[in-house]
Amino acid sequence: MKMIREFADKLERQYGTSSPFELCDYLNIEFFRSELPETVRGLCFQKDDNCSIILISSSLDENESRYCCAHELGHTLLHPGLNAQAMVDLTNLCVPKLEHEADYFAACLLIDPTIEEWCEMYEPLTLKNIACLAGLPQSVVNLWHETAERDGTGIRRKKFEAIC
């Protein structure tokens, strides 16, 4: 997972943005809002070797769309050519692992990297505060925090004691 964080950081440095929509433009990944079934928030697929497409449900609000686009961008970049449904039907590969990786990529992209500085200068934030500020689901922020703690890349615990 540390490689995923480094990859998200590299993209942000290289293109000067953490916006998944802008990154799609830079990376020539087509992005569309569309009416999708109620249970589908977004999906991505590879049309051919040079063309990936991300579809986001038009019913999502701005924060949900941003997160969903970042998540699907994670799949596109981390798991090129994989189709989750085909994997479930034809293989024993672990689809939840791929979903966690895409969520972690989205969190690394969308959680402000200066959050540690903020916590040192002001009062510590809770994971709920971070989720609210980043516009991410609580479960994604929890995954980000747990993974960063495990990898040793997380916010120094002493400065961040309000997180539980």
N, C-alpha and C. Protein backbone atom coordinates (compact mmCIF):
# COMPACT_ATOMS: atom_id res chain seq x y z
N MET A 1 0.83 -1.20 0.00
CA MET A 1 0.00 0.00 0.00
C MET A 1 0.87 1.26 0.00
N LYS A 2 2.07 1.14 0.52
CA LYS A 2 2.97 2.29 0.52
C LYS A 2 3.25 2.75 -0.91
N MET A 3 3.34 1.78 -1.83
CA MET A 3 3.57 2.12 -3.24
C MET A 3 2.39 2.90 -3.82
N ILE A 4 1.19 2.60 -3.36
CA ILE A 4 0.01 3.32 -3.84
C ILE A 4 0.08 4.77 -3.39
N ARG A 5 0.45 4.99 -2.13
CA ARG A 5 0.58 6.35 -1.61
C ARG A 5 1.65 7.11 -2.41
N GLU A 6 2.77 6.48 -2.64
CA GLU A 6 3.85 7.12 -3.41
C GLU A 6 3.40 7.43 -4.83
N PHE A 7 2.63 6.52 -5.42
CA PHE A 7 2.12 6.73 -6.78
C PHE A 7 1.17 7.93 -6.83
N ALA A 8 0.26 8.03 -5.85
CA ALA A 8 -0.68 9.17 -5.79
C ALA A 8 0.10 10.47 -5.59
N ASP A 9 1.10 10.46 -4.72
CA ASP A 9 1.93 11.65 -4.49
C ASP A 9 2.67 12.05 -5.77
N LYS A 10 3.19 11.07 -6.48
CA LYS A 10 3.93 11.33 -7.73
C LYS A 10 3.01 11.98 -8.77
N LEU A 11 1.79 11.47 -8.90
CA LEU A 11 0.83 12.06 -9.85
C LEU A 11 0.55 13.51 -9.50
N GLU A 12 0.34 13.77 -8.20
CA GLU A 12 0.03 15.13 -7.76
C GLU A 12 1.20 16.08 -8.05
N ARG A 13 2.42 15.62 -7.78
CA ARG A 13 3.60 16.45 -8.07
C ARG A 13 3.77 16.67 -9.59
N GLN A 14 3.61 15.60 -10.34
CA GLN A 14 3.84 15.67 -11.78
C GLN A 14 2.85 16.59 -12.49
N TYR A 15 1.58 16.53 -12.09
CA TYR A 15 0.55 17.30 -12.79
C TYR A 15 0.09 18.53 -12.02
N GLY A 16 0.57 18.72 -10.80
CA GLY A 16 0.23 19.91 -10.03
C GLY A 16 -1.20 19.96 -9.55
N THR A 17 -1.84 18.80 -9.44
CA THR A 17 -3.23 18.76 -8.98
C THR A 17 -3.53 17.41 -8.35
N SER A 18 -4.47 17.41 -7.43
CA SER A 18 -4.97 16.15 -6.88
C SER A 18 -6.42 15.92 -7.31
N SER A 19 -6.92 16.80 -8.17
CA SER A 19 -8.29 16.63 -8.68
C SER A 19 -8.35 15.43 -9.61
N PRO A 20 -9.19 14.45 -9.29
CA PRO A 20 -9.27 13.28 -10.16
C PRO A 20 -9.78 13.64 -11.56
N PHE A 21 -10.62 14.66 -11.65
CA PHE A 21 -11.15 15.07 -12.95
C PHE A 21 -10.03 15.65 -13.82
N GLU A 22 -9.19 16.50 -13.22
CA GLU A 22 -8.07 17.08 -13.96
C GLU A 22 -7.06 16.00 -14.32
N LEU A 23 -6.82 15.07 -13.41
CA LEU A 23 -5.88 13.99 -13.71
C LEU A 23 -6.38 13.14 -14.87
N CYS A 24 -7.69 12.90 -14.92
CA CYS A 24 -8.25 12.17 -16.07
C CYS A 24 -7.92 12.90 -17.38
N ASP A 25 -8.06 14.23 -17.38
CA ASP A 25 -7.73 15.01 -18.58
C ASP A 25 -6.26 14.84 -18.95
N TYR A 26 -5.38 15.01 -17.97
CA TYR A 26 -3.94 14.90 -18.22
C TYR A 26 -3.55 13.51 -18.73
N LEU A 27 -4.22 12.50 -18.20
CA LEU A 27 -3.87 11.11 -18.53
C LEU A 27 -4.67 10.55 -19.70
N ASN A 28 -5.46 11.41 -20.35
CA ASN A 28 -6.29 11.01 -21.50
C ASN A 28 -7.25 9.87 -21.16
N ILE A 29 -7.83 9.97 -19.98
CA ILE A 29 -8.87 9.02 -19.56
C ILE A 29 -10.19 9.75 -19.70
N GLU A 30 -11.07 9.18 -20.52
CA GLU A 30 -12.37 9.82 -20.74
C GLU A 30 -13.23 9.68 -19.50
N PHE A 31 -13.97 10.75 -19.21
CA PHE A 31 -14.82 10.80 -18.02
C PHE A 31 -16.20 11.27 -18.43
N PHE A 32 -17.23 10.54 -18.02
CA PHE A 32 -18.61 10.90 -18.34
C PHE A 32 -19.49 10.72 -17.12
N ARG A 33 -20.48 11.61 -17.00
CA ARG A 33 -21.55 11.43 -16.03
C ARG A 33 -22.70 10.80 -16.80
N SER A 34 -23.33 9.82 -16.17
CA SER A 34 -24.37 9.10 -16.88
C SER A 34 -25.40 8.56 -15.89
N GLU A 35 -26.59 8.29 -16.39
CA GLU A 35 -27.57 7.61 -15.55
C GLU A 35 -27.13 6.17 -15.44
N LEU A 36 -26.92 5.73 -14.21
CA LEU A 36 -26.52 4.35 -13.95
C LEU A 36 -27.54 3.73 -13.01
N PRO A 37 -27.58 2.41 -12.94
CA PRO A 37 -28.49 1.78 -11.98
C PRO A 37 -28.24 2.33 -10.58
N GLU A 38 -29.27 2.37 -9.77
CA GLU A 38 -29.20 2.98 -8.44
C GLU A 38 -28.06 2.42 -7.58
N THR A 39 -27.75 1.15 -7.75
CA THR A 39 -26.71 0.53 -6.92
C THR A 39 -25.29 0.74 -7.48
N VAL A 40 -25.18 1.37 -8.63
CA VAL A 40 -23.87 1.59 -9.25
C VAL A 40 -23.53 3.08 -9.17
N ARG A 41 -22.47 3.38 -8.43
CA ARG A 41 -22.04 4.78 -8.29
C ARG A 41 -21.08 5.18 -9.40
N GLY A 42 -20.29 4.23 -9.85
CA GLY A 42 -19.33 4.50 -10.91
C GLY A 42 -18.73 3.20 -11.40
N LEU A 43 -18.08 3.29 -12.55
CA LEU A 43 -17.39 2.13 -13.10
C LEU A 43 -16.35 2.60 -14.08
N CYS A 44 -15.40 1.74 -14.37
CA CYS A 44 -14.38 2.08 -15.34
C CYS A 44 -14.14 0.87 -16.22
N PHE A 45 -13.72 1.13 -17.42
CA PHE A 45 -13.36 0.05 -18.32
C PHE A 45 -12.37 0.55 -19.35
N GLN A 46 -11.71 -0.39 -19.97
CA GLN A 46 -10.72 -0.07 -20.97
C GLN A 46 -11.34 -0.40 -22.33
N LYS A 47 -11.51 0.64 -23.15
CA LYS A 47 -12.12 0.45 -24.47
C LYS A 47 -11.13 -0.26 -25.39
N ASP A 48 -9.88 0.15 -25.34
CA ASP A 48 -8.79 -0.51 -26.06
C ASP A 48 -7.49 -0.18 -25.34
N ASP A 49 -6.37 -0.52 -25.92
CA ASP A 49 -5.09 -0.33 -25.24
C ASP A 49 -4.80 1.12 -24.87
N ASN A 50 -5.34 2.06 -25.61
CA ASN A 50 -5.03 3.47 -25.39
C ASN A 50 -6.19 4.28 -24.85
N CYS A 51 -7.28 3.63 -24.50
CA CYS A 51 -8.46 4.41 -24.10
C CYS A 51 -9.17 3.79 -22.91
N SER A 52 -9.11 4.48 -21.78
CA SER A 52 -9.87 4.07 -20.60
C SER A 52 -11.02 5.05 -20.42
N ILE A 53 -12.10 4.55 -19.88
CA ILE A 53 -13.30 5.37 -19.68
C ILE A 53 -13.80 5.19 -18.25
N ILE A 54 -14.15 6.31 -17.62
CA ILE A 54 -14.75 6.29 -16.29
C ILE A 54 -16.16 6.85 -16.41
N LEU A 55 -17.12 6.12 -15.90
CA LEU A 55 -18.52 6.57 -15.84
C LEU A 55 -18.88 6.79 -14.38
N ILE A 56 -19.48 7.95 -14.10
CA ILE A 56 -19.92 8.29 -12.74
C ILE A 56 -21.42 8.56 -12.79
N SER A 57 -22.13 8.08 -11.81
CA SER A 57 -23.57 8.29 -11.75
C SER A 57 -23.89 9.78 -11.68
N SER A 58 -24.80 10.22 -12.51
CA SER A 58 -25.20 11.63 -12.52
C SER A 58 -26.00 12.01 -11.27
N SER A 59 -26.38 11.02 -10.46
CA SER A 59 -27.14 11.32 -9.24
C SER A 59 -26.24 11.68 -8.05
N LEU A 60 -24.93 11.56 -8.20
CA LEU A 60 -24.01 11.84 -7.09
C LEU A 60 -23.78 13.34 -6.92
N ASP A 61 -23.62 13.78 -5.66
CA ASP A 61 -23.29 15.18 -5.42
C ASP A 61 -21.80 15.41 -5.71
N GLU A 62 -21.33 16.64 -5.53
CA GLU A 62 -19.96 17.01 -5.90
C GLU A 62 -18.90 16.17 -5.16
N ASN A 63 -19.03 16.05 -3.83
CA ASN A 63 -18.06 15.28 -3.06
C ASN A 63 -18.08 13.80 -3.43
N GLU A 64 -19.28 13.25 -3.57
CA GLU A 64 -19.40 11.84 -3.95
C GLU A 64 -18.79 11.60 -5.34
N SER A 65 -19.02 12.53 -6.25
CA SER A 65 -18.48 12.40 -7.61
C SER A 65 -16.96 12.45 -7.59
N ARG A 66 -16.41 13.35 -6.81
CA ARG A 66 -14.95 13.49 -6.70
C ARG A 66 -14.33 12.21 -6.15
N TYR A 67 -14.92 11.70 -5.06
CA TYR A 67 -14.43 10.46 -4.47
C TYR A 67 -14.57 9.30 -5.46
N CYS A 68 -15.73 9.18 -6.06
CA CYS A 68 -16.00 8.07 -6.98
C CYS A 68 -15.05 8.12 -8.17
N CYS A 69 -14.80 9.31 -8.71
CA CYS A 69 -13.87 9.45 -9.82
C CYS A 69 -12.46 9.06 -9.39
N ALA A 70 -12.04 9.47 -8.19
CA ALA A 70 -10.71 9.11 -7.68
C ALA A 70 -10.60 7.60 -7.49
N HIS A 71 -11.66 6.98 -6.98
CA HIS A 71 -11.70 5.53 -6.78
C HIS A 71 -11.57 4.80 -8.12
N GLU A 72 -12.37 5.22 -9.10
CA GLU A 72 -12.33 4.58 -10.42
C GLU A 72 -11.00 4.86 -11.13
N LEU A 73 -10.44 6.05 -10.92
CA LEU A 73 -9.12 6.36 -11.46
C LEU A 73 -8.09 5.41 -10.85
N GLY A 74 -8.24 5.12 -9.57
CA GLY A 74 -7.37 4.14 -8.92
C GLY A 74 -7.44 2.79 -9.60
N HIS A 75 -8.65 2.31 -9.88
CA HIS A 75 -8.79 1.04 -10.60
C HIS A 75 -8.11 1.12 -11.97
N THR A 76 -8.35 2.21 -12.69
CA THR A 76 -7.81 2.36 -14.04
C THR A 76 -6.28 2.31 -14.04
N LEU A 77 -5.66 2.98 -13.07
CA LEU A 77 -4.20 3.07 -13.03
C LEU A 77 -3.54 1.89 -12.33
N LEU A 78 -4.17 1.38 -11.27
CA LEU A 78 -3.58 0.30 -10.49
C LEU A 78 -3.91 -1.09 -11.04
N HIS A 79 -5.06 -1.21 -11.68
CA HIS A 79 -5.54 -2.52 -12.15
C HIS A 79 -5.95 -2.44 -13.62
N PRO A 80 -5.06 -2.01 -14.49
CA PRO A 80 -5.44 -1.83 -15.91
C PRO A 80 -5.90 -3.15 -16.54
N GLY A 81 -6.99 -3.06 -17.26
CA GLY A 81 -7.49 -4.22 -17.99
C GLY A 81 -8.28 -5.22 -17.17
N LEU A 82 -8.39 -5.02 -15.85
CA LEU A 82 -9.15 -5.96 -15.04
C LEU A 82 -10.61 -5.57 -15.00
N ASN A 83 -11.47 -6.55 -15.05
CA ASN A 83 -12.90 -6.35 -14.97
C ASN A 83 -13.38 -7.11 -13.74
N ALA A 84 -13.91 -6.38 -12.76
CA ALA A 84 -14.28 -6.99 -11.47
C ALA A 84 -15.30 -8.12 -11.64
N GLN A 85 -16.30 -7.93 -12.49
CA GLN A 85 -17.33 -8.97 -12.64
C GLN A 85 -16.74 -10.22 -13.28
N ALA A 86 -15.89 -10.03 -14.29
CA ALA A 86 -15.26 -11.19 -14.92
C ALA A 86 -14.37 -11.91 -13.92
N MET A 87 -13.70 -11.15 -13.06
CA MET A 87 -12.83 -11.76 -12.05
C MET A 87 -13.64 -12.61 -11.07
N VAL A 88 -14.80 -12.12 -10.68
CA VAL A 88 -15.65 -12.87 -9.76
C VAL A 88 -16.14 -14.15 -10.45
N ASP A 89 -16.55 -14.00 -11.71
CA ASP A 89 -17.12 -15.14 -12.43
C ASP A 89 -16.08 -16.19 -12.82
N LEU A 90 -14.87 -15.76 -13.17
CA LEU A 90 -13.92 -16.67 -13.79
C LEU A 90 -12.71 -17.05 -12.95
N THR A 91 -12.46 -16.34 -11.85
CA THR A 91 -11.24 -16.59 -11.11
C THR A 91 -11.50 -16.61 -9.62
N ASN A 92 -10.46 -16.84 -8.88
CA ASN A 92 -10.53 -16.78 -7.42
C ASN A 92 -9.79 -15.57 -6.88
N LEU A 93 -9.51 -14.58 -7.75
CA LEU A 93 -8.81 -13.40 -7.28
C LEU A 93 -9.67 -12.63 -6.30
N CYS A 94 -9.04 -11.91 -5.43
CA CYS A 94 -9.73 -11.24 -4.34
C CYS A 94 -10.18 -9.83 -4.75
N VAL A 95 -11.42 -9.70 -5.14
CA VAL A 95 -11.97 -8.41 -5.56
C VAL A 95 -11.98 -7.40 -4.42
N PRO A 96 -12.33 -7.79 -3.16
CA PRO A 96 -12.29 -6.80 -2.07
C PRO A 96 -10.91 -6.15 -1.91
N LYS A 97 -9.85 -6.89 -2.15
CA LYS A 97 -8.50 -6.32 -2.06
C LYS A 97 -8.33 -5.21 -3.09
N LEU A 98 -8.83 -5.42 -4.29
CA LEU A 98 -8.74 -4.40 -5.34
C LEU A 98 -9.57 -3.17 -4.98
N GLU A 99 -10.71 -3.39 -4.36
CA GLU A 99 -11.56 -2.28 -3.92
C GLU A 99 -10.86 -1.48 -2.82
N HIS A 100 -10.20 -2.16 -1.88
CA HIS A 100 -9.45 -1.47 -0.83
C HIS A 100 -8.32 -0.65 -1.44
N GLU A 101 -7.64 -1.21 -2.42
CA GLU A 101 -6.54 -0.48 -3.06
C GLU A 101 -7.06 0.78 -3.76
N ALA A 102 -8.19 0.66 -4.45
CA ALA A 102 -8.76 1.83 -5.12
C ALA A 102 -9.23 2.87 -4.10
N ASP A 103 -9.80 2.42 -2.99
CA ASP A 103 -10.20 3.35 -1.92
C ASP A 103 -8.98 4.04 -1.32
N TYR A 104 -7.93 3.29 -1.08
CA TYR A 104 -6.72 3.87 -0.49
C TYR A 104 -6.10 4.89 -1.45
N PHE A 105 -6.08 4.58 -2.73
CA PHE A 105 -5.58 5.52 -3.74
C PHE A 105 -6.40 6.82 -3.68
N ALA A 106 -7.73 6.68 -3.65
CA ALA A 106 -8.61 7.86 -3.59
C ALA A 106 -8.32 8.69 -2.34
N ALA A 107 -8.16 8.02 -1.20
CA ALA A 107 -7.87 8.74 0.04
C ALA A 107 -6.53 9.46 -0.05
N CYS A 108 -5.51 8.79 -0.56
CA CYS A 108 -4.18 9.42 -0.69
C CYS A 108 -4.23 10.63 -1.61
N LEU A 109 -5.06 10.54 -2.62
CA LEU A 109 -5.19 11.65 -3.57
C LEU A 109 -5.97 12.82 -2.97
N LEU A 110 -7.01 12.52 -2.20
CA LEU A 110 -7.96 13.56 -1.79
C LEU A 110 -7.77 14.11 -0.38
N ILE A 111 -7.03 13.41 0.47
CA ILE A 111 -6.77 13.96 1.81
C ILE A 111 -5.58 14.89 1.71
N ASP A 112 -5.77 16.11 2.13
CA ASP A 112 -4.74 17.14 2.03
C ASP A 112 -3.45 16.68 2.72
N PRO A 113 -2.33 16.68 1.99
CA PRO A 113 -1.08 16.22 2.59
C PRO A 113 -0.54 17.14 3.70
N THR A 114 -1.09 18.33 3.84
CA THR A 114 -0.63 19.24 4.90
C THR A 114 -1.42 19.05 6.19
N ILE A 115 -2.18 17.98 6.27
CA ILE A 115 -3.02 17.76 7.44
C ILE A 115 -2.19 17.63 8.72
N GLU A 116 -0.99 17.05 8.61
CA GLU A 116 -0.13 16.91 9.79
C GLU A 116 0.30 18.29 10.30
N GLU A 117 0.68 19.17 9.38
CA GLU A 117 1.05 20.54 9.76
C GLU A 117 -0.11 21.21 10.47
N TRP A 118 -1.29 21.05 9.92
CA TRP A 118 -2.48 21.67 10.49
C TRP A 118 -2.67 21.19 11.92
N CYS A 119 -2.49 19.88 12.12
CA CYS A 119 -2.67 19.31 13.46
C CYS A 119 -1.62 19.80 14.44
N GLU A 120 -0.41 20.09 13.95
CA GLU A 120 0.64 20.60 14.82
C GLU A 120 0.37 22.05 15.23
N MET A 121 -0.21 22.82 14.32
CA MET A 121 -0.45 24.24 14.57
C MET A 121 -1.75 24.49 15.33
N TYR A 122 -2.73 23.64 15.12
CA TYR A 122 -4.04 23.83 15.73
C TYR A 122 -4.39 22.59 16.54
N GLU A 123 -5.64 22.42 16.80
CA GLU A 123 -6.06 21.25 17.55
C GLU A 123 -6.09 20.03 16.64
N PRO A 124 -5.80 18.87 17.22
CA PRO A 124 -5.85 17.64 16.43
C PRO A 124 -7.25 17.40 15.87
N LEU A 125 -7.29 16.73 14.76
CA LEU A 125 -8.56 16.39 14.11
C LEU A 125 -8.90 14.94 14.39
N THR A 126 -10.17 14.65 14.39
CA THR A 126 -10.62 13.26 14.47
C THR A 126 -10.71 12.74 13.04
N LEU A 127 -10.81 11.42 12.91
CA LEU A 127 -11.00 10.85 11.58
C LEU A 127 -12.31 11.34 10.96
N LYS A 128 -13.30 11.58 11.80
CA LYS A 128 -14.58 12.11 11.31
C LYS A 128 -14.38 13.52 10.74
N ASN A 129 -13.56 14.35 11.41
CA ASN A 129 -13.25 15.68 10.89
C ASN A 129 -12.56 15.59 9.53
N ILE A 130 -11.60 14.68 9.44
CA ILE A 130 -10.86 14.53 8.18
C ILE A 130 -11.79 14.07 7.07
N ALA A 131 -12.68 13.15 7.36
CA ALA A 131 -13.65 12.68 6.36
C ALA A 131 -14.51 13.84 5.87
N CYS A 132 -14.95 14.66 6.80
CA CYS A 132 -15.78 15.81 6.44
C CYS A 132 -14.99 16.81 5.59
N LEU A 133 -13.77 17.13 5.99
CA LEU A 133 -12.95 18.09 5.25
C LEU A 133 -12.58 17.58 3.86
N ALA A 134 -12.32 16.28 3.75
CA ALA A 134 -11.90 15.71 2.46
C ALA A 134 -13.09 15.31 1.59
N GLY A 135 -14.29 15.29 2.17
CA GLY A 135 -15.46 14.88 1.41
C GLY A 135 -15.42 13.39 1.08
N LEU A 136 -14.90 12.61 2.02
CA LEU A 136 -14.76 11.17 1.81
C LEU A 136 -15.64 10.39 2.79
N PRO A 137 -16.04 9.19 2.42
CA PRO A 137 -16.75 8.33 3.38
C PRO A 137 -15.84 8.02 4.57
N GLN A 138 -16.42 7.90 5.73
CA GLN A 138 -15.67 7.60 6.95
C GLN A 138 -14.84 6.32 6.79
N SER A 139 -15.41 5.31 6.15
CA SER A 139 -14.70 4.03 6.00
C SER A 139 -13.41 4.18 5.19
N VAL A 140 -13.41 5.09 4.23
CA VAL A 140 -12.22 5.31 3.40
C VAL A 140 -11.14 6.01 4.22
N VAL A 141 -11.53 6.96 5.04
CA VAL A 141 -10.57 7.66 5.90
C VAL A 141 -10.01 6.69 6.95
N ASN A 142 -10.86 5.82 7.48
CA ASN A 142 -10.39 4.80 8.43
C ASN A 142 -9.35 3.90 7.76
N LEU A 143 -9.63 3.46 6.54
CA LEU A 143 -8.68 2.62 5.80
C LEU A 143 -7.37 3.36 5.58
N TRP A 144 -7.45 4.64 5.18
CA TRP A 144 -6.26 5.47 4.96
C TRP A 144 -5.41 5.54 6.23
N HIS A 145 -6.08 5.81 7.35
CA HIS A 145 -5.37 5.95 8.62
C HIS A 145 -4.75 4.63 9.07
N GLU A 146 -5.52 3.54 9.03
CA GLU A 146 -5.01 2.23 9.47
C GLU A 146 -3.83 1.79 8.60
N THR A 147 -3.93 2.01 7.30
CA THR A 147 -2.87 1.60 6.39
C THR A 147 -1.62 2.44 6.61
N ALA A 148 -1.80 3.74 6.78
CA ALA A 148 -0.66 4.62 7.00
C ALA A 148 0.04 4.28 8.33
N GLU A 149 -0.74 3.95 9.33
CA GLU A 149 -0.15 3.55 10.63
C GLU A 149 0.67 2.27 10.46
N ARG A 150 0.12 1.31 9.73
CA ARG A 150 0.81 0.04 9.50
C ARG A 150 2.08 0.22 8.69
N ASP A 151 2.04 1.10 7.69
CA ASP A 151 3.19 1.34 6.81
C ASP A 151 4.21 2.29 7.43
N GLY A 152 3.85 2.91 8.55
CA GLY A 152 4.75 3.88 9.17
C GLY A 152 4.78 5.21 8.45
N THR A 153 3.75 5.47 7.64
CA THR A 153 3.69 6.73 6.89
C THR A 153 2.61 7.65 7.42
N GLY A 154 1.98 7.25 8.51
CA GLY A 154 0.87 8.03 9.05
C GLY A 154 1.32 9.25 9.82
N ILE A 155 0.36 10.02 10.22
CA ILE A 155 0.61 11.21 11.02
C ILE A 155 1.13 10.76 12.38
N ARG A 156 2.16 11.41 12.83
CA ARG A 156 2.75 11.02 14.12
C ARG A 156 1.69 10.98 15.21
N ARG A 157 1.57 9.84 15.84
CA ARG A 157 0.51 9.58 16.82
C ARG A 157 0.47 10.60 17.94
N LYS A 158 1.63 11.02 18.44
CA LYS A 158 1.66 11.94 19.56
C LYS A 158 0.94 13.26 19.20
N LYS A 159 1.13 13.72 17.97
CA LYS A 159 0.52 14.97 17.54
C LYS A 159 -0.95 14.78 17.16
N PHE A 160 -1.38 13.52 17.10
CA PHE A 160 -2.68 13.23 16.53
C PHE A 160 -3.51 12.38 17.47
N GLU A 161 -3.41 12.64 18.77
CA GLU A 161 -4.05 11.78 19.76
C GLU A 161 -5.56 11.81 19.71
N ALA A 162 -6.16 12.80 19.07
CA ALA A 162 -7.61 12.88 19.03
C ALA A 162 -8.21 11.82 18.09
N ILE A 163 -7.38 11.20 17.27
CA ILE A 163 -7.89 10.18 16.36
C ILE A 163 -8.15 8.89 17.14
N CYS A 164 -9.34 8.34 16.94
CA CYS A 164 -9.61 7.05 17.57
C CYS A 164 -10.29 6.14 16.59
